[in-house]
Amino acid sequence: MLGFCVLAPLGDSIAKLLGGHVSLGLLVLMRFAIQALLLLPLVWQSGGDLRLPQGTLPLSILRTILHILGIGLMFSALRYLPLADALAIAFVMPFIMLLLGHYFMNEEVGAARMWACAVGFIGTLLVIQPNFAQVGWPALLPLGVAVIFALFMMVTRKIAKQMDPIKLQAISGIQASAILIPILVLVPNTAMTTLQMPGTSTIGLLFLLGGLGTAAHLAMTWSLRLAPASTLAPMQYLEIPFGTFIGWMIFKDLPNGLAAIGICITVGAGLYIILRERRLSQAQAAQNAAK
């Protein structure tokens, strides 16, 4: 999980570097195409195939579309916002997942967790405010990222139990490439869809972007197979300080005072929910053991 927390913001920083040189469509396509190229040999080496379990094709395609939209919005946000601020705003996702689970999946959410959600949203607004004053509506893009990835995680929950994680990611890379290539070929050239030939150094960075994104997701997948989610979830928030450090090293960006306070509030509220969930699950496990 620590590897994910370093690799993910490193990949985002590469996307931010490339944002002024490569169209958004090509950037997202390369991210998924390289994922497919890297993971297909692993699937075949393990003796697997690319057949989907019966009934999972619609969910798999929906998951891929959500993944494309989420990454596309994040790469767009990074063209306007500091890396740390974009990550902090997107970390409102756990609160959105909590609310979606409550209202659409009838999961029980107590008053304490609802209050923590409200506090987390306030922290997010504090991060958004100075950025909105500076760049306008693009400061809201990471909120879209949070909503889309919350839906992405809910779909992933439904499908992940039926498929090997590496196979799932390989298929996602293939599906995303199959969706994006026709769009980039058929849609007239725009700032988002231009298929310009990048230079040698840019091609190297594009492959690095795809490699970092793929490695980050594999690191997270393997961490979830080796340790309980309740142990790993608080560590995920380390992505924000790592992102802050990487943003400062590469772009000399640091959150201003109000944004820094908002980041601390958002992280604190998120950690409160995660740690409270852990205590409740441990108490429930103890009760079940006693019975």
Protein backbone atom coordinates (compact mmCIF):
# COMPACT_ATOMS: atom_id res chain seq x y z
CA MET A 1 0.00 0.00 0.00
CA LEU A 2 2.92 2.33 0.64
CA GLY A 3 4.09 1.51 -2.88
CA PHE A 4 0.69 2.54 -4.23
CA CYS A 5 0.79 5.80 -2.24
CA VAL A 6 4.09 6.69 -3.92
CA LEU A 7 3.46 5.32 -7.42
CA ALA A 8 -0.04 6.79 -7.90
CA PRO A 9 0.94 10.46 -7.34
CA LEU A 10 4.11 9.90 -9.36
CA GLY A 11 1.91 8.78 -12.26
CA ASP A 12 -0.33 11.81 -11.74
CA SER A 13 2.72 14.08 -11.81
CA ILE A 14 3.74 12.59 -15.19
CA ALA A 15 0.22 13.28 -16.48
CA LYS A 16 0.52 16.86 -15.23
CA LEU A 17 3.87 17.26 -17.00
CA LEU A 18 2.42 15.92 -20.25
CA GLY A 19 -0.82 17.91 -20.01
CA GLY A 20 0.51 20.82 -22.04
CA HIS A 21 2.05 18.65 -24.78
CA VAL A 22 -0.36 15.77 -25.40
CA SER A 23 -4.13 15.78 -25.98
CA LEU A 24 -6.25 14.40 -23.15
CA GLY A 25 -7.58 11.58 -25.31
CA LEU A 26 -4.13 10.35 -26.27
CA LEU A 27 -2.97 10.62 -22.67
CA VAL A 28 -5.82 8.43 -21.40
CA LEU A 29 -5.49 5.98 -24.30
CA MET A 30 -1.78 5.43 -23.61
CA ARG A 31 -2.52 4.93 -19.92
CA PHE A 32 -4.85 2.00 -20.69
CA ALA A 33 -3.07 0.59 -23.75
CA ILE A 34 0.17 0.21 -21.82
CA GLN A 35 -1.75 -1.37 -18.94
CA ALA A 36 -3.06 -4.01 -21.37
CA LEU A 37 0.40 -4.59 -22.90
CA LEU A 38 2.00 -5.08 -19.49
CA LEU A 39 -0.66 -7.33 -17.99
CA LEU A 40 -1.57 -9.60 -20.90
CA PRO A 41 1.72 -11.57 -20.64
CA LEU A 42 1.07 -12.06 -16.90
CA VAL A 43 -2.39 -13.47 -17.63
CA TRP A 44 -1.06 -15.86 -20.29
CA GLN A 45 1.97 -16.87 -18.18
CA SER A 46 -0.36 -17.92 -15.37
CA GLY A 47 -2.30 -20.12 -17.79
CA GLY A 48 -5.35 -17.89 -17.77
CA ASP A 49 -7.55 -16.63 -20.58
CA LEU A 50 -9.57 -13.48 -21.23
CA ARG A 51 -13.03 -15.02 -21.01
CA LEU A 52 -15.38 -13.20 -18.67
CA PRO A 53 -17.55 -15.12 -16.19
CA GLN A 54 -21.13 -15.47 -17.38
CA GLY A 55 -23.23 -12.37 -16.82
CA THR A 56 -20.32 -10.05 -15.99
CA LEU A 57 -19.79 -8.42 -19.40
CA PRO A 58 -22.18 -5.47 -18.83
CA LEU A 59 -20.65 -4.74 -15.41
CA SER A 60 -17.13 -5.06 -16.83
CA ILE A 61 -17.89 -2.54 -19.60
CA LEU A 62 -19.57 -0.16 -17.13
CA ARG A 63 -16.53 -0.42 -14.84
CA THR A 64 -14.19 0.37 -17.74
CA ILE A 65 -16.26 3.39 -18.85
CA LEU A 66 -16.25 4.74 -15.29
CA HIS A 67 -12.48 4.18 -15.11
CA ILE A 68 -11.95 6.10 -18.37
CA LEU A 69 -14.10 9.00 -17.14
CA GLY A 70 -12.44 9.10 -13.72
CA ILE A 71 -8.89 9.12 -15.08
CA GLY A 72 -9.85 11.61 -17.79
CA LEU A 73 -11.30 14.03 -15.24
CA MET A 74 -8.27 13.64 -12.96
CA PHE A 75 -5.83 14.33 -15.80
CA SER A 76 -7.95 17.36 -16.75
CA ALA A 77 -7.92 18.65 -13.17
CA LEU A 78 -4.14 18.35 -12.99
CA ARG A 79 -3.81 20.82 -15.87
CA TYR A 80 -5.21 23.50 -13.57
CA LEU A 81 -4.62 22.48 -9.95
CA PRO A 82 -1.61 21.65 -7.76
CA LEU A 83 -1.14 17.91 -7.35
CA ALA A 84 -1.78 17.89 -3.59
CA ASP A 85 -4.98 19.96 -3.87
CA ALA A 86 -6.41 17.76 -6.64
CA LEU A 87 -5.70 14.60 -4.61
CA ALA A 88 -7.19 16.09 -1.43
CA ILE A 89 -10.43 17.11 -3.16
CA ALA A 90 -10.74 13.68 -4.79
CA PHE A 91 -10.35 12.06 -1.35
CA VAL A 92 -13.93 13.06 -0.61
CA MET A 93 -14.64 9.70 -2.34
CA PRO A 94 -14.90 7.63 0.91
CA PHE A 95 -17.64 9.97 2.14
CA ILE A 96 -19.52 9.66 -1.16
CA MET A 97 -19.21 5.86 -1.02
CA LEU A 98 -20.65 5.92 2.50
CA LEU A 99 -23.65 7.97 1.34
CA LEU A 100 -24.18 5.83 -1.78
CA GLY A 101 -24.08 2.68 0.35
CA HIS A 102 -26.62 4.20 2.74
CA TYR A 103 -29.13 5.51 0.20
CA PHE A 104 -28.80 2.95 -2.62
CA MET A 105 -27.65 -0.27 -0.92
CA ASN A 106 -29.49 0.13 2.41
CA GLU A 107 -26.25 -0.05 4.41
CA GLU A 108 -26.55 1.18 7.97
CA VAL A 109 -24.79 4.51 8.59
CA GLY A 110 -24.93 5.97 12.10
CA ALA A 111 -25.10 9.62 13.13
CA ALA A 112 -21.37 9.75 13.98
CA ARG A 113 -20.38 8.71 10.47
CA MET A 114 -22.83 11.17 8.92
CA TRP A 115 -21.31 13.97 10.99
CA ALA A 116 -17.83 12.86 9.91
CA CYS A 117 -19.03 13.04 6.28
CA ALA A 118 -20.26 16.59 6.85
CA VAL A 119 -16.93 17.61 8.40
CA GLY A 120 -15.03 15.97 5.54
CA PHE A 121 -17.09 17.91 2.98
CA ILE A 122 -16.33 21.14 4.84
CA GLY A 123 -12.62 20.33 4.66
CA THR A 124 -12.96 19.67 0.94
CA LEU A 125 -14.71 23.02 0.41
CA LEU A 126 -11.79 24.74 2.15
CA VAL A 127 -9.43 23.14 -0.38
CA ILE A 128 -11.69 24.05 -3.29
CA GLN A 129 -12.25 27.70 -2.32
CA PRO A 130 -8.79 29.18 -3.02
CA ASN A 131 -8.43 27.06 -6.15
CA PHE A 132 -11.88 28.10 -7.40
CA ALA A 133 -10.96 31.74 -6.85
CA GLN A 134 -7.82 31.21 -8.92
CA VAL A 135 -8.90 28.93 -11.80
CA GLY A 136 -12.72 28.85 -11.67
CA TRP A 137 -14.86 25.80 -12.45
CA PRO A 138 -11.91 23.39 -13.13
CA ALA A 139 -11.40 23.38 -9.35
CA LEU A 140 -14.58 21.26 -9.20
CA LEU A 141 -13.22 18.53 -11.50
CA PRO A 142 -11.79 16.40 -8.65
CA LEU A 143 -15.31 16.26 -7.15
CA GLY A 144 -16.38 14.57 -10.38
CA VAL A 145 -13.42 12.22 -10.00
CA ALA A 146 -14.61 11.35 -6.48
CA VAL A 147 -18.19 10.61 -7.56
CA ILE A 148 -17.12 8.52 -10.56
CA PHE A 149 -14.54 6.51 -8.61
CA ALA A 150 -17.06 5.90 -5.82
CA LEU A 151 -19.37 4.34 -8.44
CA PHE A 152 -16.34 2.54 -9.94
CA MET A 153 -15.53 0.99 -6.55
CA MET A 154 -19.13 -0.14 -6.05
CA VAL A 155 -19.14 -1.87 -9.45
CA THR A 156 -15.70 -3.37 -8.72
CA ARG A 157 -17.04 -4.86 -5.47
CA LYS A 158 -19.69 -6.73 -7.45
CA ILE A 159 -17.33 -8.13 -10.07
CA ALA A 160 -14.01 -8.60 -8.25
CA LYS A 161 -15.08 -11.72 -6.38
CA GLN A 162 -15.62 -13.53 -9.68
CA MET A 163 -12.35 -12.59 -11.42
CA ASP A 164 -8.61 -12.60 -10.81
CA PRO A 165 -7.46 -8.97 -10.23
CA ILE A 166 -4.70 -9.07 -12.88
CA LYS A 167 -7.10 -10.54 -15.44
CA LEU A 168 -9.69 -7.90 -14.56
CA GLN A 169 -7.17 -5.08 -15.06
CA ALA A 170 -5.91 -6.58 -18.33
CA ILE A 171 -9.45 -6.85 -19.71
CA SER A 172 -10.13 -3.28 -18.55
CA GLY A 173 -7.08 -2.08 -20.50
CA ILE A 174 -8.24 -3.87 -23.65
CA GLN A 175 -11.83 -2.62 -23.34
CA ALA A 176 -10.71 0.96 -22.71
CA SER A 177 -8.40 0.88 -25.73
CA ALA A 178 -11.20 -0.54 -27.89
CA ILE A 179 -13.50 2.30 -26.76
CA LEU A 180 -10.96 5.13 -27.08
CA ILE A 181 -9.24 4.29 -30.38
CA PRO A 182 -12.38 4.70 -32.58
CA ILE A 183 -13.25 7.95 -30.79
CA LEU A 184 -9.80 9.41 -31.39
CA VAL A 185 -9.77 8.26 -35.02
CA LEU A 186 -13.31 9.32 -35.94
CA VAL A 187 -13.81 12.53 -33.96
CA PRO A 188 -12.40 15.64 -35.70
CA ASN A 189 -9.20 17.02 -34.22
CA THR A 190 -9.81 18.95 -31.03
CA ALA A 191 -7.73 19.80 -27.98
CA MET A 192 -9.03 16.55 -26.44
CA THR A 193 -8.76 14.14 -29.38
CA THR A 194 -5.74 15.17 -31.44
CA LEU A 195 -3.56 12.18 -32.36
CA GLN A 196 -0.36 14.13 -32.89
CA MET A 197 2.91 12.22 -33.07
CA PRO A 198 4.78 12.94 -29.81
CA GLY A 199 8.55 13.37 -29.63
CA THR A 200 10.91 10.74 -28.29
CA SER A 201 11.05 12.14 -24.74
CA THR A 202 7.25 12.46 -24.66
CA ILE A 203 6.84 8.85 -25.78
CA GLY A 204 9.13 7.79 -22.93
CA LEU A 205 7.01 9.73 -20.43
CA LEU A 206 3.80 8.20 -21.86
CA PHE A 207 5.18 4.69 -21.31
CA LEU A 208 6.29 5.72 -17.83
CA LEU A 209 2.77 7.02 -17.12
CA GLY A 210 1.20 3.71 -18.17
CA GLY A 211 3.77 1.69 -16.24
CA LEU A 212 3.34 3.69 -13.04
CA GLY A 213 -0.45 3.52 -13.24
CA THR A 214 -0.39 -0.23 -13.81
CA ALA A 215 2.16 -0.86 -11.03
CA ALA A 216 0.17 1.31 -8.60
CA HIS A 217 -3.04 -0.64 -9.16
CA LEU A 218 -1.23 -3.98 -8.90
CA ALA A 219 0.42 -2.86 -5.65
CA MET A 220 -2.99 -1.98 -4.22
CA THR A 221 -4.51 -5.26 -5.43
CA TRP A 222 -1.74 -7.36 -3.91
CA SER A 223 -1.86 -5.40 -0.64
CA LEU A 224 -5.60 -6.16 -0.36
CA ARG A 225 -4.86 -9.87 -0.90
CA LEU A 226 -2.19 -9.94 1.83
CA ALA A 227 -3.69 -7.74 4.56
CA PRO A 228 -7.17 -6.75 5.79
CA ALA A 229 -8.76 -3.69 4.17
CA SER A 230 -9.28 -2.18 7.64
CA THR A 231 -5.50 -2.21 8.14
CA LEU A 232 -4.70 -0.75 4.73
CA ALA A 233 -7.40 1.92 4.39
CA PRO A 234 -5.83 4.48 6.78
CA MET A 235 -2.50 4.10 4.95
CA GLN A 236 -4.15 5.24 1.70
CA TYR A 237 -4.30 8.78 3.07
CA LEU A 238 -0.49 8.84 2.91
CA GLU A 239 -1.02 9.47 -0.80
CA ILE A 240 -1.76 13.12 0.06
CA PRO A 241 1.54 13.92 1.87
CA PHE A 242 3.46 11.96 -0.77
CA GLY A 243 1.58 13.90 -3.45
CA THR A 244 2.39 17.17 -1.66
CA PHE A 245 6.09 16.30 -1.57
CA ILE A 246 6.17 15.18 -5.22
CA GLY A 247 4.26 18.32 -6.27
CA TRP A 248 6.75 20.50 -4.43
CA MET A 249 9.79 18.66 -5.83
CA ILE A 250 8.62 18.75 -9.47
CA PHE A 251 6.36 21.80 -9.73
CA LYS A 252 7.28 23.85 -6.62
CA ASP A 253 3.57 23.78 -5.65
CA LEU A 254 2.43 23.81 -2.03
CA PRO A 255 -1.15 24.20 -0.70
CA ASN A 256 -1.85 27.66 0.70
CA GLY A 257 -2.94 28.13 4.32
CA LEU A 258 -6.68 27.61 3.79
CA ALA A 259 -6.17 24.61 1.51
CA ALA A 260 -3.69 23.07 3.97
CA ILE A 261 -6.26 23.38 6.79
CA GLY A 262 -8.89 21.81 4.53
CA ILE A 263 -6.57 18.91 3.69
CA CYS A 264 -5.98 18.23 7.41
CA ILE A 265 -9.74 18.33 8.13
CA THR A 266 -10.56 16.00 5.22
CA VAL A 267 -7.86 13.50 6.21
CA GLY A 268 -8.92 13.63 9.87
CA ALA A 269 -12.59 12.98 9.05
CA GLY A 270 -11.69 10.14 6.70
CA LEU A 271 -9.41 8.50 9.24
CA TYR A 272 -12.10 8.84 11.92
CA ILE A 273 -14.60 6.94 9.76
CA ILE A 274 -12.06 4.22 8.90
CA LEU A 275 -10.88 3.71 12.49
CA ARG A 276 -14.45 3.73 13.79
CA GLU A 277 -15.38 1.07 11.22
CA ARG A 278 -12.44 -1.02 12.42
CA ARG A 279 -13.54 -0.76 16.08
CA LEU A 280 -17.12 -1.68 15.20
CA SER A 281 -16.04 -4.68 13.11
CA GLN A 282 -13.73 -5.89 15.89
CA ALA A 283 -16.53 -5.54 18.44
CA GLN A 284 -18.90 -7.47 16.15
CA ALA A 285 -16.30 -10.20 15.64
CA ALA A 286 -15.83 -10.49 19.41
CA GLN A 287 -19.59 -10.83 19.89
CA ASN A 288 -19.81 -13.52 17.23
CA ALA A 289 -16.89 -15.40 18.81
CA ALA A 290 -18.58 -15.24 22.22
CA LYS A 291 -21.72 -16.82 20.76
